[in-house]
Amino acid sequence: MPFKSLLAILTAAVICSSCGGNAPADAGAAADAPAAATVTPVKVTTVDQSSLTDYIELNATSSFLQKNYVKANAIGYIQKVNAQIGHYVNKGEVLFTIKTKESQSIGNSINILDTTFKFSGLNKIKASEHGYITQLSHQVGDYVQDGEQLAIISDRSSFAFIMQLPYELRASVTNNQDVLLSLPDGTKLNGKVNSFMPTVDTLSQTQGIVIKVAGNNTIPENLVARARIVKTARSNTISLPSSAILSNETQTEFWVMKLIDANTAVKTPIKKGIESGDKIEILSPRFSPNDKIIISGNYGLADTAKVKIIK
């Protein structure tokens, strides 16, 4: 009986030993097995071949470039005023009537002495140009000196928008160039570059650009509009959505992730051109219409990453 018990114990020990020896071998085999590759879901697009336009957008302020000063032509008293601030007047329209100092003192004595001498002592002051009365300095009964300013007329023909252009962009703007003006109320006006101011602002280093608009628009002075000028235009050029373009932290290097087969994406360096809205011109390399470029899921992808295209 003791012999059989001892035999049973030894048999059990051998079995346990064999089981324990197999476990490390299995663990080592599992460690040696290759890890499954990570597959990233992505969305793709192809290049677009169309026209692109890059714009400059700056503020432009409405202004009357020329102001006409209405002045008294004699010493006397203002007897009548036909002008009001904000009213539009035509060239030759009578604005003021002045009774001279002498006629105010003498009255009708001269006419009584000589009925053929028609002396009224009244001088009529007329508008020298079409425009709006923007300043009124005197009223009826005021005593004025010869040459004293009575009113200011803003010449309607001199109306324009003044756009302050940074001088580094001066080469992008030329005479007679088309400009689209957007007013705060949503109105769109077509204008043209008329001239360049001969000075540059000392602090901002901007140059005033005179933009003339077509039509007789009743636009008030000092209204700020948004001026849009074409800076660069490209026709029949290749572009990609901005979401397809990746860059380094300093934005000195740019690239896209292009598929070389159904599920492999490679890093492809590019050279950018102009940007228009959400599209960016690609100067190089020359992509074909069949090339698939990742636009979603591309951030952080390594070169030759495994991907899966989703709709």
C-alpha atoms as a PDB file:
ATOM      1  CA  MET A   1       0.000   0.000   0.000  1.00  0.00           C
ATOM      2  CA  PRO A   2       2.745   2.573   0.799  1.00  0.00           C
ATOM      3  CA  PHE A   3       4.444   1.770  -2.483  1.00  0.00           C
ATOM      4  CA  LYS A   4       1.256   2.499  -4.445  1.00  0.00           C
ATOM      5  CA  SER A   5       0.791   5.830  -2.611  1.00  0.00           C
ATOM      6  CA  LEU A   6       4.345   6.875  -3.378  1.00  0.00           C
ATOM      7  CA  LEU A   7       3.887   5.954  -7.053  1.00  0.00           C
ATOM      8  CA  ALA A   8       0.734   8.046  -7.259  1.00  0.00           C
ATOM      9  CA  ILE A   9       2.486  11.078  -5.732  1.00  0.00           C
ATOM     10  CA  LEU A  10       5.406  10.826  -8.209  1.00  0.00           C
ATOM     11  CA  THR A  11       3.018  10.527 -11.167  1.00  0.00           C
ATOM     12  CA  ALA A  12       1.147  13.642 -10.074  1.00  0.00           C
ATOM     13  CA  ALA A  13       4.406  15.575  -9.696  1.00  0.00           C
ATOM     14  CA  VAL A  14       5.519  14.631 -13.215  1.00  0.00           C
ATOM     15  CA  ILE A  15       2.179  15.788 -14.693  1.00  0.00           C
ATOM     16  CA  CYS A  16       2.349  19.124 -12.844  1.00  0.00           C
ATOM     17  CA  SER A  17       5.921  19.648 -13.993  1.00  0.00           C
ATOM     18  CA  SER A  18       5.026  19.063 -17.630  1.00  0.00           C
ATOM     19  CA  CYS A  19       2.082  21.482 -17.426  1.00  0.00           C
ATOM     20  CA  GLY A  20       4.186  24.188 -15.834  1.00  0.00           C
ATOM     21  CA  GLY A  21       6.876  23.856 -18.507  1.00  0.00           C
ATOM     22  CA  ASN A  22       4.438  24.399 -21.388  1.00  0.00           C
ATOM     23  CA  ALA A  23       3.058  27.714 -20.016  1.00  0.00           C
ATOM     24  CA  PRO A  24       6.224  29.806 -20.565  1.00  0.00           C
ATOM     25  CA  ALA A  25       6.630  28.415 -24.061  1.00  0.00           C
ATOM     26  CA  ASP A  26       3.110  29.491 -24.955  1.00  0.00           C
ATOM     27  CA  ALA A  27       3.694  32.971 -23.502  1.00  0.00           C
ATOM     28  CA  GLY A  28       6.897  33.365 -25.509  1.00  0.00           C
ATOM     29  CA  ALA A  29       5.136  32.342 -28.694  1.00  0.00           C
ATOM     30  CA  ALA A  30       2.432  34.940 -28.070  1.00  0.00           C
ATOM     31  CA  ALA A  31       5.057  37.646 -27.505  1.00  0.00           C
ATOM     32  CA  ASP A  32       6.819  36.761 -30.769  1.00  0.00           C
ATOM     33  CA  ALA A  33       3.556  37.144 -32.824  1.00  0.00           C
ATOM     34  CA  PRO A  34       3.446  40.490 -34.805  1.00  0.00           C
ATOM     35  CA  ALA A  35       1.036  43.203 -33.514  1.00  0.00           C
ATOM     36  CA  ALA A  36      -1.980  44.068 -35.723  1.00  0.00           C
ATOM     37  CA  ALA A  37      -1.426  47.311 -37.734  1.00  0.00           C
ATOM     38  CA  THR A  38      -3.581  50.378 -36.810  1.00  0.00           C
ATOM     39  CA  VAL A  39      -6.006  51.349 -39.554  1.00  0.00           C
ATOM     40  CA  THR A  40      -7.255  54.966 -39.577  1.00  0.00           C
ATOM     41  CA  PRO A  41     -10.626  55.823 -41.152  1.00  0.00           C
ATOM     42  CA  VAL A  42     -10.240  58.732 -43.602  1.00  0.00           C
ATOM     43  CA  LYS A  43     -12.119  60.731 -46.215  1.00  0.00           C
ATOM     44  CA  VAL A  44     -10.521  61.555 -49.549  1.00  0.00           C
ATOM     45  CA  THR A  45     -10.921  63.960 -52.455  1.00  0.00           C
ATOM     46  CA  THR A  46      -9.313  64.678 -55.821  1.00  0.00           C
ATOM     47  CA  VAL A  47      -7.721  67.884 -57.103  1.00  0.00           C
ATOM     48  CA  ASP A  48      -9.897  70.618 -58.597  1.00  0.00           C
ATOM     49  CA  GLN A  49      -8.826  72.449 -61.752  1.00  0.00           C
ATOM     50  CA  SER A  50     -10.494  75.856 -61.989  1.00  0.00           C
ATOM     51  CA  SER A  51      -9.901  79.601 -61.625  1.00  0.00           C
ATOM     52  CA  LEU A  52      -8.761  81.111 -58.328  1.00  0.00           C
ATOM     53  CA  THR A  53      -8.712  84.757 -57.263  1.00  0.00           C
ATOM     54  CA  ASP A  54      -6.959  86.310 -54.292  1.00  0.00           C
ATOM     55  CA  TYR A  55      -8.472  89.567 -52.980  1.00  0.00           C
ATOM     56  CA  ILE A  56      -7.357  92.508 -50.869  1.00  0.00           C
ATOM     57  CA  GLU A  57     -10.068  93.780 -48.504  1.00  0.00           C
ATOM     58  CA  LEU A  58      -9.594  97.165 -46.827  1.00  0.00           C
ATOM     59  CA  ASN A  59     -11.715  99.950 -45.369  1.00  0.00           C
ATOM     60  CA  ALA A  60     -12.607 102.959 -47.529  1.00  0.00           C
ATOM     61  CA  THR A  61     -14.171 106.182 -46.206  1.00  0.00           C
ATOM     62  CA  SER A  62     -16.539 108.364 -48.237  1.00  0.00           C
ATOM     63  CA  SER A  63     -15.445 111.963 -48.684  1.00  0.00           C
ATOM     64  CA  PHE A  64     -16.027 115.135 -50.695  1.00  0.00           C
ATOM     65  CA  LEU A  65     -12.546 115.983 -51.953  1.00  0.00           C
ATOM     66  CA  GLN A  66     -13.446 119.519 -52.936  1.00  0.00           C
ATOM     67  CA  LYS A  67     -15.351 122.052 -50.808  1.00  0.00           C
ATOM     68  CA  ASN A  68     -16.501 125.433 -52.109  1.00  0.00           C
ATOM     69  CA  TYR A  69     -16.581 128.357 -49.695  1.00  0.00           C
ATOM     70  CA  VAL A  70     -19.440 130.838 -50.085  1.00  0.00           C
ATOM     71  CA  LYS A  71     -18.218 134.296 -49.049  1.00  0.00           C
ATOM     72  CA  ALA A  72     -19.717 137.757 -48.684  1.00  0.00           C
ATOM     73  CA  ASN A  73     -18.940 140.174 -51.503  1.00  0.00           C
ATOM     74  CA  ALA A  74     -19.673 143.358 -49.548  1.00  0.00           C
ATOM     75  CA  ILE A  75     -19.844 144.770 -46.034  1.00  0.00           C
ATOM     76  CA  GLY A  76     -23.392 144.735 -44.798  1.00  0.00           C
ATOM     77  CA  TYR A  77     -26.288 142.861 -43.253  1.00  0.00           C
ATOM     78  CA  ILE A  78     -27.707 139.520 -44.326  1.00  0.00           C
ATOM     79  CA  GLN A  79     -31.254 140.184 -45.411  1.00  0.00           C
ATOM     80  CA  LYS A  80     -32.249 136.753 -46.715  1.00  0.00           C
ATOM     81  CA  VAL A  81     -30.935 133.169 -46.440  1.00  0.00           C
ATOM     82  CA  ASN A  82     -32.031 130.478 -48.910  1.00  0.00           C
ATOM     83  CA  ALA A  83     -29.638 127.786 -47.685  1.00  0.00           C
ATOM     84  CA  GLN A  84     -30.092 124.985 -45.140  1.00  0.00           C
ATOM     85  CA  ILE A  85     -27.579 122.450 -43.892  1.00  0.00           C
ATOM     86  CA  GLY A  86     -27.873 119.170 -45.787  1.00  0.00           C
ATOM     87  CA  HIS A  87     -29.832 120.639 -48.702  1.00  0.00           C
ATOM     88  CA  TYR A  88     -28.651 120.112 -52.248  1.00  0.00           C
ATOM     89  CA  VAL A  89     -28.085 123.302 -54.273  1.00  0.00           C
ATOM     90  CA  ASN A  90     -27.454 123.855 -57.968  1.00  0.00           C
ATOM     91  CA  LYS A  91     -24.783 126.000 -59.507  1.00  0.00           C
ATOM     92  CA  GLY A  92     -26.015 129.632 -59.808  1.00  0.00           C
ATOM     93  CA  GLU A  93     -28.730 129.243 -57.170  1.00  0.00           C
ATOM     94  CA  VAL A  94     -29.086 132.325 -54.905  1.00  0.00           C
ATOM     95  CA  LEU A  95     -28.106 131.428 -51.349  1.00  0.00           C
ATOM     96  CA  PHE A  96     -27.783 134.789 -49.556  1.00  0.00           C
ATOM     97  CA  THR A  97     -28.956 138.370 -50.051  1.00  0.00           C
ATOM     98  CA  ILE A  98     -26.824 141.057 -48.410  1.00  0.00           C
ATOM     99  CA  LYS A  99     -27.842 144.676 -47.952  1.00  0.00           C
ATOM    100  CA  THR A 100     -24.784 146.877 -47.930  1.00  0.00           C
ATOM    101  CA  LYS A 101     -23.905 149.004 -44.943  1.00  0.00           C
ATOM    102  CA  GLU A 102     -24.283 152.197 -46.991  1.00  0.00           C
ATOM    103  CA  SER A 103     -27.768 151.373 -48.285  1.00  0.00           C
ATOM    104  CA  GLN A 104     -28.851 150.422 -44.778  1.00  0.00           C
ATOM    105  CA  SER A 105     -27.802 153.878 -43.572  1.00  0.00           C
ATOM    106  CA  ILE A 106     -28.990 155.998 -46.489  1.00  0.00           C
ATOM    107  CA  GLY A 107     -32.174 154.065 -47.218  1.00  0.00           C
ATOM    108  CA  ASN A 108     -34.180 155.338 -50.222  1.00  0.00           C
ATOM    109  CA  SER A 109     -32.783 158.876 -50.078  1.00  0.00           C
ATOM    110  CA  ILE A 110     -30.824 158.446 -53.315  1.00  0.00           C
ATOM    111  CA  ASN A 111     -33.854 157.138 -55.219  1.00  0.00           C
ATOM    112  CA  ILE A 112     -35.932 160.067 -53.973  1.00  0.00           C
ATOM    113  CA  LEU A 113     -33.339 162.537 -55.212  1.00  0.00           C
ATOM    114  CA  ASP A 114     -32.921 160.812 -58.585  1.00  0.00           C
ATOM    115  CA  THR A 115     -35.671 158.413 -59.659  1.00  0.00           C
ATOM    116  CA  THR A 116     -33.632 157.273 -62.667  1.00  0.00           C
ATOM    117  CA  PHE A 117     -30.893 155.941 -60.394  1.00  0.00           C
ATOM    118  CA  LYS A 118     -32.192 152.590 -59.263  1.00  0.00           C
ATOM    119  CA  PHE A 119     -30.189 151.853 -56.156  1.00  0.00           C
ATOM    120  CA  SER A 120     -31.233 148.996 -53.894  1.00  0.00           C
ATOM    121  CA  GLY A 121     -27.963 148.161 -52.182  1.00  0.00           C
ATOM    122  CA  LEU A 122     -28.798 144.443 -52.361  1.00  0.00           C
ATOM    123  CA  ASN A 123     -26.121 141.904 -53.342  1.00  0.00           C
ATOM    124  CA  LYS A 124     -27.025 138.330 -54.217  1.00  0.00           C
ATOM    125  CA  ILE A 125     -24.575 135.554 -53.331  1.00  0.00           C
ATOM    126  CA  LYS A 126     -24.902 132.503 -55.596  1.00  0.00           C
ATOM    127  CA  ALA A 127     -23.634 128.908 -55.389  1.00  0.00           C
ATOM    128  CA  SER A 128     -20.494 128.416 -57.449  1.00  0.00           C
ATOM    129  CA  GLU A 129     -20.981 124.618 -57.885  1.00  0.00           C
ATOM    130  CA  HIS A 130     -23.518 121.844 -57.451  1.00  0.00           C
ATOM    131  CA  GLY A 131     -23.375 120.203 -54.057  1.00  0.00           C
ATOM    132  CA  TYR A 132     -24.619 119.904 -50.496  1.00  0.00           C
ATOM    133  CA  ILE A 133     -24.594 122.618 -47.857  1.00  0.00           C
ATOM    134  CA  THR A 134     -22.400 121.121 -45.136  1.00  0.00           C
ATOM    135  CA  GLN A 135     -21.811 124.247 -43.053  1.00  0.00           C
ATOM    136  CA  LEU A 136     -23.829 127.431 -42.479  1.00  0.00           C
ATOM    137  CA  SER A 137     -22.066 130.216 -40.598  1.00  0.00           C
ATOM    138  CA  HIS A 138     -24.585 133.092 -40.552  1.00  0.00           C
ATOM    139  CA  GLN A 139     -28.294 133.812 -40.385  1.00  0.00           C
ATOM    140  CA  VAL A 140     -30.636 136.699 -41.240  1.00  0.00           C
ATOM    141  CA  GLY A 141     -29.644 139.974 -39.603  1.00  0.00           C
ATOM    142  CA  ASP A 142     -25.968 139.133 -39.116  1.00  0.00           C
ATOM    143  CA  TYR A 143     -23.424 141.834 -39.948  1.00  0.00           C
ATOM    144  CA  VAL A 144     -20.666 140.471 -42.183  1.00  0.00           C
ATOM    145  CA  GLN A 145     -17.400 141.758 -43.582  1.00  0.00           C
ATOM    146  CA  ASP A 146     -16.374 141.619 -47.219  1.00  0.00           C
ATOM    147  CA  GLY A 147     -14.881 138.163 -47.896  1.00  0.00           C
ATOM    148  CA  GLU A 148     -16.281 136.601 -44.727  1.00  0.00           C
ATOM    149  CA  GLN A 149     -17.287 132.918 -45.016  1.00  0.00           C
ATOM    150  CA  LEU A 150     -21.043 132.365 -45.089  1.00  0.00           C
ATOM    151  CA  ALA A 151     -21.353 128.647 -45.933  1.00  0.00           C
ATOM    152  CA  ILE A 152     -19.530 125.599 -47.296  1.00  0.00           C
ATOM    153  CA  ILE A 153     -20.743 123.573 -50.270  1.00  0.00           C
ATOM    154  CA  SER A 154     -19.384 120.026 -50.686  1.00  0.00           C
ATOM    155  CA  ASP A 155     -18.917 119.599 -54.433  1.00  0.00           C
ATOM    156  CA  ARG A 156     -20.945 116.558 -55.532  1.00  0.00           C
ATOM    157  CA  SER A 157     -18.667 115.851 -58.500  1.00  0.00           C
ATOM    158  CA  SER A 158     -15.712 115.438 -56.126  1.00  0.00           C
ATOM    159  CA  PHE A 159     -17.354 112.641 -54.120  1.00  0.00           C
ATOM    160  CA  ALA A 160     -15.135 109.562 -53.725  1.00  0.00           C
ATOM    161  CA  PHE A 161     -14.041 106.849 -51.317  1.00  0.00           C
ATOM    162  CA  ILE A 162     -10.549 107.032 -49.828  1.00  0.00           C
ATOM    163  CA  MET A 163      -8.943 103.644 -49.180  1.00  0.00           C
ATOM    164  CA  GLN A 164      -5.847 103.438 -47.008  1.00  0.00           C
ATOM    165  CA  LEU A 165      -3.536 100.951 -48.746  1.00  0.00           C
ATOM    166  CA  PRO A 166      -0.455  99.525 -46.959  1.00  0.00           C
ATOM    167  CA  TYR A 167       2.474 100.585 -49.094  1.00  0.00           C
ATOM    168  CA  GLU A 168       3.832  97.040 -49.393  1.00  0.00           C
ATOM    169  CA  LEU A 169       0.700  96.250 -51.459  1.00  0.00           C
ATOM    170  CA  ARG A 170       1.167  99.252 -53.762  1.00  0.00           C
ATOM    171  CA  ALA A 171       2.203  97.061 -56.707  1.00  0.00           C
ATOM    172  CA  SER A 172      -1.140  95.211 -56.512  1.00  0.00           C
ATOM    173  CA  VAL A 173      -3.213  98.322 -57.323  1.00  0.00           C
ATOM    174  CA  THR A 174      -3.218 100.236 -60.610  1.00  0.00           C
ATOM    175  CA  ASN A 175      -5.144 103.155 -62.101  1.00  0.00           C
ATOM    176  CA  ASN A 176      -8.631 102.322 -63.442  1.00  0.00           C
ATOM    177  CA  GLN A 177      -8.633  99.010 -61.582  1.00  0.00           C
ATOM    178  CA  ASP A 178     -12.104  97.749 -60.666  1.00  0.00           C
ATOM    179  CA  VAL A 179     -13.121  97.875 -57.005  1.00  0.00           C
ATOM    180  CA  LEU A 180     -16.201  96.398 -55.334  1.00  0.00           C
ATOM    181  CA  LEU A 181     -17.482  98.486 -52.410  1.00  0.00           C
ATOM    182  CA  SER A 182     -19.776  96.989 -49.773  1.00  0.00           C
ATOM    183  CA  LEU A 183     -21.711  99.501 -47.657  1.00  0.00           C
ATOM    184  CA  PRO A 184     -22.865  98.754 -44.082  1.00  0.00           C
ATOM    185  CA  ASP A 185     -26.484  98.377 -45.263  1.00  0.00           C
ATOM    186  CA  GLY A 186     -25.502  95.656 -47.740  1.00  0.00           C
ATOM    187  CA  THR A 187     -25.485  97.873 -50.842  1.00  0.00           C
ATOM    188  CA  LYS A 188     -22.839  96.968 -53.444  1.00  0.00           C
ATOM    189  CA  LEU A 189     -21.185  99.682 -55.536  1.00  0.00           C
ATOM    190  CA  ASN A 190     -18.820  99.339 -58.472  1.00  0.00           C
ATOM    191  CA  GLY A 191     -15.899 101.729 -58.427  1.00  0.00           C
ATOM    192  CA  LYS A 192     -12.576 102.376 -60.128  1.00  0.00           C
ATOM    193  CA  VAL A 193      -9.215 103.497 -58.816  1.00  0.00           C
ATOM    194  CA  ASN A 194      -8.990 107.159 -59.856  1.00  0.00           C
ATOM    195  CA  SER A 195      -5.744 108.425 -58.362  1.00  0.00           C
ATOM    196  CA  PHE A 196      -3.136 108.014 -55.627  1.00  0.00           C
ATOM    197  CA  MET A 197      -2.533 110.517 -52.843  1.00  0.00           C
ATOM    198  CA  PRO A 198       0.985 111.990 -53.025  1.00  0.00           C
ATOM    199  CA  THR A 199       1.746 111.320 -49.340  1.00  0.00           C
ATOM    200  CA  VAL A 200       2.054 108.321 -47.031  1.00  0.00           C
ATOM    201  CA  ASP A 201       0.915 108.315 -43.403  1.00  0.00           C
ATOM    202  CA  THR A 202       3.987 108.466 -41.163  1.00  0.00           C
ATOM    203  CA  LEU A 203       2.768 106.028 -38.513  1.00  0.00           C
ATOM    204  CA  SER A 204       0.745 103.466 -40.469  1.00  0.00           C
ATOM    205  CA  GLN A 205       2.748 103.711 -43.721  1.00  0.00           C
ATOM    206  CA  THR A 206      -0.460 103.633 -45.751  1.00  0.00           C
ATOM    207  CA  GLN A 207      -1.221 105.579 -48.921  1.00  0.00           C
ATOM    208  CA  GLY A 208      -4.624 107.048 -49.720  1.00  0.00           C
ATOM    209  CA  ILE A 209      -6.250 105.625 -52.866  1.00  0.00           C
ATOM    210  CA  VAL A 210      -9.083 107.626 -54.450  1.00  0.00           C
ATOM    211  CA  ILE A 211     -11.938 105.394 -55.644  1.00  0.00           C
ATOM    212  CA  LYS A 212     -14.646 106.938 -57.806  1.00  0.00           C
ATOM    213  CA  VAL A 213     -18.109 105.354 -57.970  1.00  0.00           C
ATOM    214  CA  ALA A 214     -20.582 105.540 -60.836  1.00  0.00           C
ATOM    215  CA  GLY A 215     -24.021 107.142 -60.544  1.00  0.00           C
ATOM    216  CA  ASN A 216     -25.464 109.942 -58.448  1.00  0.00           C
ATOM    217  CA  ASN A 217     -25.586 108.128 -55.134  1.00  0.00           C
ATOM    218  CA  THR A 218     -26.723 110.092 -52.097  1.00  0.00           C
ATOM    219  CA  ILE A 219     -24.082 108.689 -49.768  1.00  0.00           C
ATOM    220  CA  PRO A 220     -23.158 110.690 -46.667  1.00  0.00           C
ATOM    221  CA  GLU A 221     -19.611 111.750 -45.938  1.00  0.00           C
ATOM    222  CA  ASN A 222     -17.419 109.687 -43.569  1.00  0.00           C
ATOM    223  CA  LEU A 223     -19.294 106.435 -44.276  1.00  0.00           C
ATOM    224  CA  VAL A 224     -16.931 103.450 -43.931  1.00  0.00           C
ATOM    225  CA  ALA A 225     -17.290 100.821 -46.666  1.00  0.00           C
ATOM    226  CA  ARG A 226     -15.413  97.598 -47.336  1.00  0.00           C
ATOM    227  CA  ALA A 227     -13.348  97.742 -50.552  1.00  0.00           C
ATOM    228  CA  ARG A 228     -12.344  94.531 -52.329  1.00  0.00           C
ATOM    229  CA  ILE A 229      -9.625  94.576 -54.995  1.00  0.00           C
ATOM    230  CA  VAL A 230      -8.303  91.648 -57.006  1.00  0.00           C
ATOM    231  CA  LYS A 231      -4.702  91.013 -55.919  1.00  0.00           C
ATOM    232  CA  THR A 232      -3.894  87.889 -57.953  1.00  0.00           C
ATOM    233  CA  ALA A 233      -5.943  85.844 -60.428  1.00  0.00           C
ATOM    234  CA  ARG A 234      -5.152  82.368 -61.742  1.00  0.00           C
ATOM    235  CA  SER A 235      -7.012  80.543 -64.485  1.00  0.00           C
ATOM    236  CA  ASN A 236      -7.125  76.780 -64.975  1.00  0.00           C
ATOM    237  CA  THR A 237      -5.007  76.024 -61.914  1.00  0.00           C
ATOM    238  CA  ILE A 238      -4.944  73.010 -59.568  1.00  0.00           C
ATOM    239  CA  SER A 239      -6.239  73.439 -56.028  1.00  0.00           C
ATOM    240  CA  LEU A 240      -7.169  71.432 -52.945  1.00  0.00           C
ATOM    241  CA  PRO A 241      -9.402  72.138 -49.945  1.00  0.00           C
ATOM    242  CA  SER A 242      -7.557  73.777 -47.054  1.00  0.00           C
ATOM    243  CA  SER A 243      -8.377  70.750 -44.863  1.00  0.00           C
ATOM    244  CA  ALA A 244      -6.072  68.623 -47.045  1.00  0.00           C
ATOM    245  CA  ILE A 245      -2.995  70.778 -46.312  1.00  0.00           C
ATOM    246  CA  LEU A 246      -0.807  69.949 -43.304  1.00  0.00           C
ATOM    247  CA  SER A 247       2.192  71.894 -41.999  1.00  0.00           C
ATOM    248  CA  ASN A 248       4.852  71.997 -39.309  1.00  0.00           C
ATOM    249  CA  GLU A 249       4.588  74.258 -36.267  1.00  0.00           C
ATOM    250  CA  THR A 250       6.358  77.176 -37.941  1.00  0.00           C
ATOM    251  CA  GLN A 251       4.379  76.742 -41.177  1.00  0.00           C
ATOM    252  CA  THR A 252       7.531  76.594 -43.257  1.00  0.00           C
ATOM    253  CA  GLU A 253       6.859  73.119 -44.649  1.00  0.00           C
ATOM    254  CA  PHE A 254       3.599  71.874 -46.152  1.00  0.00           C
ATOM    255  CA  TRP A 255       2.437  68.445 -47.261  1.00  0.00           C
ATOM    256  CA  VAL A 256      -0.588  66.293 -48.053  1.00  0.00           C
ATOM    257  CA  MET A 257      -1.326  62.622 -47.442  1.00  0.00           C
ATOM    258  CA  LYS A 258      -1.798  60.865 -50.786  1.00  0.00           C
ATOM    259  CA  LEU A 259      -3.002  57.306 -51.273  1.00  0.00           C
ATOM    260  CA  ILE A 260      -0.648  55.075 -53.243  1.00  0.00           C
ATOM    261  CA  ASP A 261      -3.006  52.104 -53.075  1.00  0.00           C
ATOM    262  CA  ALA A 262      -6.365  51.222 -51.561  1.00  0.00           C
ATOM    263  CA  ASN A 263      -5.177  51.482 -47.945  1.00  0.00           C
ATOM    264  CA  THR A 264      -1.714  53.118 -47.784  1.00  0.00           C
ATOM    265  CA  ALA A 265      -1.127  56.887 -47.448  1.00  0.00           C
ATOM    266  CA  VAL A 266       2.242  58.559 -47.974  1.00  0.00           C
ATOM    267  CA  LYS A 267       3.445  62.006 -46.974  1.00  0.00           C
ATOM    268  CA  THR A 268       3.837  64.189 -50.100  1.00  0.00           C
ATOM    269  CA  PRO A 269       5.533  67.643 -49.720  1.00  0.00           C
ATOM    270  CA  ILE A 270       3.859  70.450 -51.684  1.00  0.00           C
ATOM    271  CA  LYS A 271       4.420  74.091 -52.625  1.00  0.00           C
ATOM    272  CA  LYS A 272       1.438  76.383 -52.058  1.00  0.00           C
ATOM    273  CA  GLY A 273       0.214  79.216 -54.259  1.00  0.00           C
ATOM    274  CA  ILE A 274      -2.623  81.663 -53.636  1.00  0.00           C
ATOM    275  CA  GLU A 275      -5.506  81.031 -51.242  1.00  0.00           C
ATOM    276  CA  SER A 276      -9.116  81.779 -52.124  1.00  0.00           C
ATOM    277  CA  GLY A 277     -11.768  80.975 -49.562  1.00  0.00           C
ATOM    278  CA  ASP A 278     -11.285  77.351 -48.493  1.00  0.00           C
ATOM    279  CA  LYS A 279      -9.207  76.468 -51.582  1.00  0.00           C
ATOM    280  CA  ILE A 280      -5.417  76.539 -51.856  1.00  0.00           C
ATOM    281  CA  GLU A 281      -3.489  76.509 -55.123  1.00  0.00           C
ATOM    282  CA  ILE A 282      -0.939  73.690 -55.493  1.00  0.00           C
ATOM    283  CA  LEU A 283       2.121  74.774 -57.497  1.00  0.00           C
ATOM    284  CA  SER A 284       3.989  71.486 -57.127  1.00  0.00           C
ATOM    285  CA  PRO A 285       3.948  68.546 -57.491  1.00  0.00           C
ATOM    286  CA  ARG A 286       1.588  68.128 -60.428  1.00  0.00           C
ATOM    287  CA  PHE A 287      -1.185  65.851 -59.160  1.00  0.00           C
ATOM    288  CA  SER A 288      -3.286  63.883 -61.621  1.00  0.00           C
ATOM    289  CA  PRO A 289      -7.104  63.975 -61.564  1.00  0.00           C
ATOM    290  CA  ASN A 290      -7.121  60.397 -60.260  1.00  0.00           C
ATOM    291  CA  ASP A 291      -4.893  61.012 -57.245  1.00  0.00           C
ATOM    292  CA  LYS A 292      -6.731  60.565 -53.954  1.00  0.00           C
ATOM    293  CA  ILE A 293      -5.830  63.090 -51.249  1.00  0.00           C
ATOM    294  CA  ILE A 294      -6.971  62.710 -47.621  1.00  0.00           C
ATOM    295  CA  ILE A 295      -9.076  65.595 -46.284  1.00  0.00           C
ATOM    296  CA  SER A 296     -10.337  64.080 -43.015  1.00  0.00           C
ATOM    297  CA  GLY A 297      -8.402  61.924 -40.565  1.00  0.00           C
ATOM    298  CA  ASN A 298      -5.053  63.091 -41.981  1.00  0.00           C
ATOM    299  CA  TYR A 299      -3.819  64.955 -38.890  1.00  0.00           C
ATOM    300  CA  GLY A 300      -0.991  63.072 -37.174  1.00  0.00           C
ATOM    301  CA  LEU A 301      -0.750  60.335 -39.795  1.00  0.00           C
ATOM    302  CA  ALA A 302       2.718  58.890 -40.274  1.00  0.00           C
ATOM    303  CA  ASP A 303       4.287  58.249 -43.648  1.00  0.00           C
ATOM    304  CA  THR A 304       3.007  54.971 -45.221  1.00  0.00           C
ATOM    305  CA  ALA A 305       0.146  54.845 -42.687  1.00  0.00           C
ATOM    306  CA  LYS A 306      -2.598  52.282 -43.115  1.00  0.00           C
ATOM    307  CA  VAL A 307      -5.982  53.831 -43.758  1.00  0.00           C
ATOM    308  CA  LYS A 308      -9.522  52.873 -44.597  1.00  0.00           C
ATOM    309  CA  ILE A 309     -11.632  55.096 -46.851  1.00  0.00           C
ATOM    310  CA  ILE A 310     -15.061  55.950 -45.489  1.00  0.00           C
ATOM    311  CA  LYS A 311     -17.867  57.842 -47.158  1.00  0.00           C
END
